[in-house]
Amino acid sequence: MRGCIVPDADHEAFALEVDGACRHAGLALPLLPDIEAALARWPADRAGVRITGSRELARLLGPGLAIGALAADACGQAVRPVRAVLFDKSDRVDWALGWHQDRTIAVRERCDTAGFGPWSVKQGITHVEPPFAVIEAMLTLRIHLDPVDADNAPLLIAAGSHRRGRVATGEVEDVVRGSTVRACLAEVGDVWIYRTPILHASNAARPGRRRRVVQVDYASQGLPAGLEWLGI
């Protein structure tokens, strides 16, 4: 990965508004048994399983408990979880992720709306690219079910890139090259919070390791008439 990677020992110094990410050590630990139980109905060893129709998981991630309260502190009390994905890297399913911005949202159904598009369907779920202001107003939280050291595919971020707006695909490598690349290490139960537009990537996990992460997008604003967030 290009860019200057900050030494592992410096990962505690991340700041959300400056770097675009920060770590909250052990925040999810009291909720992990219930989170894992809620996830048990979905298949393991998949590159990315989109979680829908889980009232229990929605409750666990809502603003009434610690994880959702963290999102509310950063994004306002009207915030709610609008998409969840379980990533499960292991010897059976492993992958590397190139540098990119997350640019799509999950909605209940397609409703052609000015400024929204292109459309796509992933695992039967309708996705659309909204105006980038929608992405800029969102937060992404990652809940770690396994420890993540430098060899276990930590998320890499281009620090400060969340302030660059929509980065054209052809300019991504130049932005990364000019940024400090920071590795987001974690212990079980840690929660990382990100500004959703941040440029990010990850390597494949080391053989013999497993890295499960629940990634949750939060939003506080509604969508134009006819469009609805998918939710969890």
C-alpha atoms as a PDB file:
ATOM      1  CA  MET A   1       0.000   0.000   0.000  1.00  0.00           C
ATOM      2  CA  ARG A   2       1.299   3.436  -0.870  1.00  0.00           C
ATOM      3  CA  GLY A   3       1.880   6.262   1.547  1.00  0.00           C
ATOM      4  CA  CYS A   4       3.807   6.524   4.793  1.00  0.00           C
ATOM      5  CA  ILE A   5       2.372   4.012   7.296  1.00  0.00           C
ATOM      6  CA  VAL A   6       2.404   5.303  10.854  1.00  0.00           C
ATOM      7  CA  PRO A   7       4.113   2.947  13.366  1.00  0.00           C
ATOM      8  CA  ASP A   8       1.737   0.614  15.195  1.00  0.00           C
ATOM      9  CA  ALA A   9       2.418   2.170  18.607  1.00  0.00           C
ATOM     10  CA  ASP A  10       0.953   5.495  17.456  1.00  0.00           C
ATOM     11  CA  HIS A  11      -2.561   4.183  16.788  1.00  0.00           C
ATOM     12  CA  GLU A  12      -3.916   5.607  20.058  1.00  0.00           C
ATOM     13  CA  ALA A  13      -3.271   9.142  18.787  1.00  0.00           C
ATOM     14  CA  PHE A  14      -6.000   9.057  16.111  1.00  0.00           C
ATOM     15  CA  ALA A  15      -8.570  11.863  16.204  1.00  0.00           C
ATOM     16  CA  LEU A  16     -11.887  11.615  14.379  1.00  0.00           C
ATOM     17  CA  GLU A  17     -12.021  15.124  12.934  1.00  0.00           C
ATOM     18  CA  VAL A  18      -8.300  15.321  12.106  1.00  0.00           C
ATOM     19  CA  ASP A  19      -7.573  11.804  10.856  1.00  0.00           C
ATOM     20  CA  GLY A  20     -11.100  10.729  10.006  1.00  0.00           C
ATOM     21  CA  ALA A  21     -11.021   7.806  12.454  1.00  0.00           C
ATOM     22  CA  CYS A  22     -10.536   6.976  16.125  1.00  0.00           C
ATOM     23  CA  ARG A  23     -10.607   3.894  18.331  1.00  0.00           C
ATOM     24  CA  HIS A  24     -12.756   3.230  21.408  1.00  0.00           C
ATOM     25  CA  ALA A  25     -11.086   0.403  23.279  1.00  0.00           C
ATOM     26  CA  GLY A  26     -13.392  -2.319  24.632  1.00  0.00           C
ATOM     27  CA  LEU A  27     -16.584  -0.351  24.010  1.00  0.00           C
ATOM     28  CA  ALA A  28     -18.446  -3.354  22.555  1.00  0.00           C
ATOM     29  CA  LEU A  29     -17.211  -5.983  25.024  1.00  0.00           C
ATOM     30  CA  PRO A  30     -20.392  -6.084  27.177  1.00  0.00           C
ATOM     31  CA  LEU A  31     -22.527  -6.482  24.042  1.00  0.00           C
ATOM     32  CA  LEU A  32     -20.415  -9.028  22.152  1.00  0.00           C
ATOM     33  CA  PRO A  33     -22.226 -12.199  23.326  1.00  0.00           C
ATOM     34  CA  ASP A  34     -25.562 -10.749  22.228  1.00  0.00           C
ATOM     35  CA  ILE A  35     -24.122  -9.432  18.956  1.00  0.00           C
ATOM     36  CA  GLU A  36     -22.618 -12.821  18.095  1.00  0.00           C
ATOM     37  CA  ALA A  37     -25.888 -14.541  18.969  1.00  0.00           C
ATOM     38  CA  ALA A  38     -27.786 -12.150  16.689  1.00  0.00           C
ATOM     39  CA  LEU A  39     -25.328 -12.867  13.864  1.00  0.00           C
ATOM     40  CA  ALA A  40     -25.559 -16.643  14.204  1.00  0.00           C
ATOM     41  CA  ARG A  41     -28.361 -16.953  11.629  1.00  0.00           C
ATOM     42  CA  TRP A  42     -26.128 -15.583   8.871  1.00  0.00           C
ATOM     43  CA  PRO A  43     -23.477 -17.725   7.103  1.00  0.00           C
ATOM     44  CA  ALA A  44     -19.849 -17.543   8.206  1.00  0.00           C
ATOM     45  CA  ASP A  45     -16.793 -17.558   5.940  1.00  0.00           C
ATOM     46  CA  ARG A  46     -18.265 -15.139   3.424  1.00  0.00           C
ATOM     47  CA  ALA A  47     -16.459 -12.111   2.039  1.00  0.00           C
ATOM     48  CA  GLY A  48     -19.217  -9.759   3.127  1.00  0.00           C
ATOM     49  CA  VAL A  49     -22.686 -10.699   4.383  1.00  0.00           C
ATOM     50  CA  ARG A  50     -25.250  -7.900   4.382  1.00  0.00           C
ATOM     51  CA  ILE A  51     -27.389  -8.060   7.514  1.00  0.00           C
ATOM     52  CA  THR A  52     -31.082  -7.200   7.202  1.00  0.00           C
ATOM     53  CA  GLY A  53     -34.278  -7.951   9.094  1.00  0.00           C
ATOM     54  CA  SER A  54     -32.641  -8.360  12.521  1.00  0.00           C
ATOM     55  CA  ARG A  55     -34.591  -6.453  15.147  1.00  0.00           C
ATOM     56  CA  GLU A  56     -32.225  -7.686  17.849  1.00  0.00           C
ATOM     57  CA  LEU A  57     -29.113  -6.445  16.065  1.00  0.00           C
ATOM     58  CA  ALA A  58     -30.852  -3.143  15.310  1.00  0.00           C
ATOM     59  CA  ARG A  59     -31.606  -2.806  19.035  1.00  0.00           C
ATOM     60  CA  LEU A  60     -28.020  -3.623  20.024  1.00  0.00           C
ATOM     61  CA  LEU A  61     -26.666  -1.031  17.589  1.00  0.00           C
ATOM     62  CA  GLY A  62     -29.294   1.620  18.263  1.00  0.00           C
ATOM     63  CA  PRO A  63     -28.716   4.879  20.158  1.00  0.00           C
ATOM     64  CA  GLY A  64     -30.026   3.401  23.418  1.00  0.00           C
ATOM     65  CA  LEU A  65     -26.860   1.326  23.951  1.00  0.00           C
ATOM     66  CA  ALA A  66     -23.147   2.098  23.954  1.00  0.00           C
ATOM     67  CA  ILE A  67     -22.297   1.613  20.263  1.00  0.00           C
ATOM     68  CA  GLY A  68     -25.202   3.657  18.952  1.00  0.00           C
ATOM     69  CA  ALA A  69     -24.614   6.273  21.642  1.00  0.00           C
ATOM     70  CA  LEU A  70     -21.089   6.740  20.297  1.00  0.00           C
ATOM     71  CA  ALA A  71     -22.537   7.416  16.845  1.00  0.00           C
ATOM     72  CA  ALA A  72     -25.107   9.801  18.352  1.00  0.00           C
ATOM     73  CA  ASP A  73     -22.385  11.777  20.123  1.00  0.00           C
ATOM     74  CA  ALA A  74     -20.613  12.305  16.806  1.00  0.00           C
ATOM     75  CA  CYS A  75     -23.590  12.645  14.465  1.00  0.00           C
ATOM     76  CA  GLY A  76     -26.569  13.843  16.521  1.00  0.00           C
ATOM     77  CA  GLN A  77     -29.325  12.190  18.508  1.00  0.00           C
ATOM     78  CA  ALA A  78     -31.416  11.422  15.414  1.00  0.00           C
ATOM     79  CA  VAL A  79     -28.751   9.002  14.157  1.00  0.00           C
ATOM     80  CA  ARG A  80     -29.712   5.405  13.399  1.00  0.00           C
ATOM     81  CA  PRO A  81     -28.014   2.358  11.869  1.00  0.00           C
ATOM     82  CA  VAL A  82     -28.865   2.171   8.171  1.00  0.00           C
ATOM     83  CA  ARG A  83     -26.666  -0.683   6.918  1.00  0.00           C
ATOM     84  CA  ALA A  84     -24.653  -3.523   8.465  1.00  0.00           C
ATOM     85  CA  VAL A  85     -22.166  -5.917   6.844  1.00  0.00           C
ATOM     86  CA  LEU A  86     -20.305  -8.828   8.454  1.00  0.00           C
ATOM     87  CA  PHE A  87     -16.796  -9.255   7.029  1.00  0.00           C
ATOM     88  CA  ASP A  88     -15.166 -12.607   7.817  1.00  0.00           C
ATOM     89  CA  LYS A  89     -11.594 -13.088   6.585  1.00  0.00           C
ATOM     90  CA  SER A  90     -10.136 -16.564   7.132  1.00  0.00           C
ATOM     91  CA  ASP A  91      -8.109 -19.242   5.352  1.00  0.00           C
ATOM     92  CA  ARG A  92     -11.265 -20.288   3.499  1.00  0.00           C
ATOM     93  CA  VAL A  93     -12.209 -16.782   2.396  1.00  0.00           C
ATOM     94  CA  ASP A  94      -9.552 -14.097   2.206  1.00  0.00           C
ATOM     95  CA  TRP A  95      -9.131 -11.016   0.070  1.00  0.00           C
ATOM     96  CA  ALA A  96      -7.338  -7.726  -0.283  1.00  0.00           C
ATOM     97  CA  LEU A  97      -9.191  -4.442  -0.663  1.00  0.00           C
ATOM     98  CA  GLY A  98      -7.804  -1.678  -2.851  1.00  0.00           C
ATOM     99  CA  TRP A  99      -7.968   2.002  -2.000  1.00  0.00           C
ATOM    100  CA  HIS A 100     -11.440   3.457  -2.416  1.00  0.00           C
ATOM    101  CA  GLN A 101     -14.244   5.550  -0.920  1.00  0.00           C
ATOM    102  CA  ASP A 102     -17.578   4.062   0.104  1.00  0.00           C
ATOM    103  CA  ARG A 103     -20.078   5.815  -2.173  1.00  0.00           C
ATOM    104  CA  THR A 104     -23.293   3.785  -2.094  1.00  0.00           C
ATOM    105  CA  ILE A 105     -26.155   3.418   0.362  1.00  0.00           C
ATOM    106  CA  ALA A 106     -28.644   0.569   0.851  1.00  0.00           C
ATOM    107  CA  VAL A 107     -32.331   1.392   0.332  1.00  0.00           C
ATOM    108  CA  ARG A 108     -35.586  -0.563   0.589  1.00  0.00           C
ATOM    109  CA  GLU A 109     -36.443  -0.298  -3.072  1.00  0.00           C
ATOM    110  CA  ARG A 110     -35.543   1.574  -6.216  1.00  0.00           C
ATOM    111  CA  CYS A 111     -37.200   4.929  -6.706  1.00  0.00           C
ATOM    112  CA  ASP A 112     -35.611   7.013  -9.440  1.00  0.00           C
ATOM    113  CA  THR A 113     -34.704  10.339  -7.873  1.00  0.00           C
ATOM    114  CA  ALA A 114     -32.728  13.282  -9.221  1.00  0.00           C
ATOM    115  CA  GLY A 115     -29.091  13.115  -8.158  1.00  0.00           C
ATOM    116  CA  PHE A 116     -29.246   9.439  -7.134  1.00  0.00           C
ATOM    117  CA  GLY A 117     -27.502   6.866  -9.333  1.00  0.00           C
ATOM    118  CA  PRO A 118     -26.155   4.610 -10.653  1.00  0.00           C
ATOM    119  CA  TRP A 119     -28.149   1.763  -9.103  1.00  0.00           C
ATOM    120  CA  SER A 120     -26.984  -1.760  -8.273  1.00  0.00           C
ATOM    121  CA  VAL A 121     -28.174  -4.901  -6.499  1.00  0.00           C
ATOM    122  CA  LYS A 122     -25.856  -6.754  -4.079  1.00  0.00           C
ATOM    123  CA  GLN A 123     -27.034  -9.955  -2.385  1.00  0.00           C
ATOM    124  CA  GLY A 124     -30.568  -9.016  -3.359  1.00  0.00           C
ATOM    125  CA  ILE A 125     -30.318  -5.575  -1.713  1.00  0.00           C
ATOM    126  CA  THR A 126     -30.827  -2.376  -3.710  1.00  0.00           C
ATOM    127  CA  HIS A 127     -27.937   0.087  -3.556  1.00  0.00           C
ATOM    128  CA  VAL A 128     -27.561   3.526  -5.072  1.00  0.00           C
ATOM    129  CA  GLU A 129     -24.919   6.232  -5.183  1.00  0.00           C
ATOM    130  CA  PRO A 130     -26.454   9.356  -3.600  1.00  0.00           C
ATOM    131  CA  PRO A 131     -25.251  12.948  -3.845  1.00  0.00           C
ATOM    132  CA  PHE A 132     -21.917  12.950  -2.050  1.00  0.00           C
ATOM    133  CA  ALA A 133     -23.235  15.275   0.654  1.00  0.00           C
ATOM    134  CA  VAL A 134     -25.236  12.301   1.948  1.00  0.00           C
ATOM    135  CA  ILE A 135     -22.035  10.234   2.320  1.00  0.00           C
ATOM    136  CA  GLU A 136     -20.238  13.150   3.984  1.00  0.00           C
ATOM    137  CA  ALA A 137     -22.948  13.352   6.666  1.00  0.00           C
ATOM    138  CA  MET A 138     -22.622   9.643   7.573  1.00  0.00           C
ATOM    139  CA  LEU A 139     -20.493   7.721  10.052  1.00  0.00           C
ATOM    140  CA  THR A 140     -19.156   4.189   9.810  1.00  0.00           C
ATOM    141  CA  LEU A 141     -18.414   2.070  12.897  1.00  0.00           C
ATOM    142  CA  ARG A 142     -16.476  -1.202  12.852  1.00  0.00           C
ATOM    143  CA  ILE A 143     -16.985  -3.649  15.729  1.00  0.00           C
ATOM    144  CA  HIS A 144     -14.126  -6.125  16.143  1.00  0.00           C
ATOM    145  CA  LEU A 145     -14.988  -9.721  17.004  1.00  0.00           C
ATOM    146  CA  ASP A 146     -11.349 -10.858  16.650  1.00  0.00           C
ATOM    147  CA  PRO A 147      -8.023  -9.169  17.438  1.00  0.00           C
ATOM    148  CA  VAL A 148      -6.427  -7.277  14.574  1.00  0.00           C
ATOM    149  CA  ASP A 149      -2.682  -6.753  14.620  1.00  0.00           C
ATOM    150  CA  ALA A 150      -0.492  -5.602  11.742  1.00  0.00           C
ATOM    151  CA  ASP A 151      -0.537  -9.113  10.189  1.00  0.00           C
ATOM    152  CA  ASN A 152      -4.298  -9.652  10.445  1.00  0.00           C
ATOM    153  CA  ALA A 153      -5.562  -7.291   7.752  1.00  0.00           C
ATOM    154  CA  PRO A 154      -6.137  -4.065   9.689  1.00  0.00           C
ATOM    155  CA  LEU A 155      -8.062  -1.396   7.865  1.00  0.00           C
ATOM    156  CA  LEU A 156      -5.668   1.171   6.409  1.00  0.00           C
ATOM    157  CA  ILE A 157      -6.814   4.764   6.108  1.00  0.00           C
ATOM    158  CA  ALA A 158      -5.430   7.772   4.284  1.00  0.00           C
ATOM    159  CA  ALA A 159      -5.537  10.160   7.219  1.00  0.00           C
ATOM    160  CA  GLY A 160      -7.487  13.337   6.555  1.00  0.00           C
ATOM    161  CA  SER A 161      -8.824  12.180   3.193  1.00  0.00           C
ATOM    162  CA  HIS A 162     -12.410  12.500   4.466  1.00  0.00           C
ATOM    163  CA  ARG A 163     -12.008  16.245   4.003  1.00  0.00           C
ATOM    164  CA  ARG A 164     -11.227  15.933   0.277  1.00  0.00           C
ATOM    165  CA  GLY A 165     -14.829  15.468  -0.875  1.00  0.00           C
ATOM    166  CA  ARG A 166     -15.547  12.994  -3.642  1.00  0.00           C
ATOM    167  CA  VAL A 167     -12.181  11.790  -4.936  1.00  0.00           C
ATOM    168  CA  ALA A 168     -12.208  10.812  -8.597  1.00  0.00           C
ATOM    169  CA  THR A 169     -11.126   7.217  -9.158  1.00  0.00           C
ATOM    170  CA  GLY A 170      -8.123   8.321 -11.192  1.00  0.00           C
ATOM    171  CA  GLU A 171      -6.928  10.580  -8.363  1.00  0.00           C
ATOM    172  CA  VAL A 172      -7.170   8.074  -5.498  1.00  0.00           C
ATOM    173  CA  GLU A 173      -3.570   6.843  -5.717  1.00  0.00           C
ATOM    174  CA  ASP A 174      -2.229  10.405  -5.807  1.00  0.00           C
ATOM    175  CA  VAL A 175      -4.228  11.343  -2.700  1.00  0.00           C
ATOM    176  CA  VAL A 176      -3.013   8.230  -0.867  1.00  0.00           C
ATOM    177  CA  ARG A 177       0.569   8.896  -1.914  1.00  0.00           C
ATOM    178  CA  GLY A 178       0.345  12.367  -0.437  1.00  0.00           C
ATOM    179  CA  SER A 179      -1.271  11.176   2.810  1.00  0.00           C
ATOM    180  CA  THR A 180      -0.125   9.481   5.971  1.00  0.00           C
ATOM    181  CA  VAL A 181      -1.428   5.908   5.868  1.00  0.00           C
ATOM    182  CA  ARG A 182      -2.504   4.713   9.310  1.00  0.00           C
ATOM    183  CA  ALA A 183      -3.203   1.115  10.339  1.00  0.00           C
ATOM    184  CA  CYS A 184      -6.288   0.651  12.535  1.00  0.00           C
ATOM    185  CA  LEU A 185      -5.262  -2.071  14.994  1.00  0.00           C
ATOM    186  CA  ALA A 186      -7.783  -3.530  17.431  1.00  0.00           C
ATOM    187  CA  GLU A 187      -8.470  -5.955  20.261  1.00  0.00           C
ATOM    188  CA  VAL A 188     -11.657  -7.973  20.663  1.00  0.00           C
ATOM    189  CA  GLY A 189     -14.512  -5.624  21.540  1.00  0.00           C
ATOM    190  CA  ASP A 190     -12.844  -2.477  20.227  1.00  0.00           C
ATOM    191  CA  VAL A 191     -14.919  -0.120  18.091  1.00  0.00           C
ATOM    192  CA  TRP A 192     -13.411   2.085  15.414  1.00  0.00           C
ATOM    193  CA  ILE A 193     -15.440   5.070  14.236  1.00  0.00           C
ATOM    194  CA  TYR A 194     -14.799   6.624  10.811  1.00  0.00           C
ATOM    195  CA  ARG A 195     -16.011   9.478   8.707  1.00  0.00           C
ATOM    196  CA  THR A 196     -17.634   7.477   5.907  1.00  0.00           C
ATOM    197  CA  PRO A 197     -15.914   9.296   2.975  1.00  0.00           C
ATOM    198  CA  ILE A 198     -12.405   8.356   4.156  1.00  0.00           C
ATOM    199  CA  LEU A 199     -10.171   6.567   1.652  1.00  0.00           C
ATOM    200  CA  HIS A 200      -9.404   3.101   2.968  1.00  0.00           C
ATOM    201  CA  ALA A 201      -7.955  -0.288   2.022  1.00  0.00           C
ATOM    202  CA  SER A 202      -6.764  -3.553   3.580  1.00  0.00           C
ATOM    203  CA  ASN A 203      -4.432  -6.424   2.807  1.00  0.00           C
ATOM    204  CA  ALA A 204      -5.257 -10.125   2.975  1.00  0.00           C
ATOM    205  CA  ALA A 205      -5.023 -11.742   6.420  1.00  0.00           C
ATOM    206  CA  ARG A 206      -2.047 -13.871   7.388  1.00  0.00           C
ATOM    207  CA  PRO A 207      -2.662 -17.639   6.950  1.00  0.00           C
ATOM    208  CA  GLY A 208      -4.079 -19.255  10.085  1.00  0.00           C
ATOM    209  CA  ARG A 209      -5.790 -16.079  11.245  1.00  0.00           C
ATOM    210  CA  ARG A 210      -9.430 -15.030  11.313  1.00  0.00           C
ATOM    211  CA  ARG A 211     -10.687 -11.454  11.218  1.00  0.00           C
ATOM    212  CA  ARG A 212     -14.397 -10.831  11.769  1.00  0.00           C
ATOM    213  CA  VAL A 213     -15.686  -7.276  11.744  1.00  0.00           C
ATOM    214  CA  VAL A 214     -19.237  -5.936  11.826  1.00  0.00           C
ATOM    215  CA  GLN A 215     -19.319  -2.727   9.822  1.00  0.00           C
ATOM    216  CA  VAL A 216     -22.280  -0.440  10.495  1.00  0.00           C
ATOM    217  CA  ASP A 217     -23.217   2.745   8.663  1.00  0.00           C
ATOM    218  CA  TYR A 218     -25.122   5.422  10.591  1.00  0.00           C
ATOM    219  CA  ALA A 219     -27.110   8.377   9.283  1.00  0.00           C
ATOM    220  CA  SER A 220     -29.147  11.096  10.936  1.00  0.00           C
ATOM    221  CA  GLN A 221     -30.826  12.612   7.898  1.00  0.00           C
ATOM    222  CA  GLY A 222     -33.743  11.272   5.913  1.00  0.00           C
ATOM    223  CA  LEU A 223     -33.817  10.572   2.184  1.00  0.00           C
ATOM    224  CA  PRO A 224     -35.967  12.313  -0.447  1.00  0.00           C
ATOM    225  CA  ALA A 225     -39.609  11.250  -0.715  1.00  0.00           C
ATOM    226  CA  GLY A 226     -39.905   7.758  -2.140  1.00  0.00           C
ATOM    227  CA  LEU A 227     -36.490   6.583  -0.910  1.00  0.00           C
ATOM    228  CA  GLU A 228     -36.013   4.839   2.430  1.00  0.00           C
ATOM    229  CA  TRP A 229     -32.888   3.670   4.195  1.00  0.00           C
ATOM    230  CA  LEU A 230     -32.765  -0.125   4.324  1.00  0.00           C
ATOM    231  CA  GLY A 231     -31.843  -0.262   8.011  1.00  0.00           C
ATOM    232  CA  ILE A 232     -30.951  -3.489   9.823  1.00  0.00           C
END
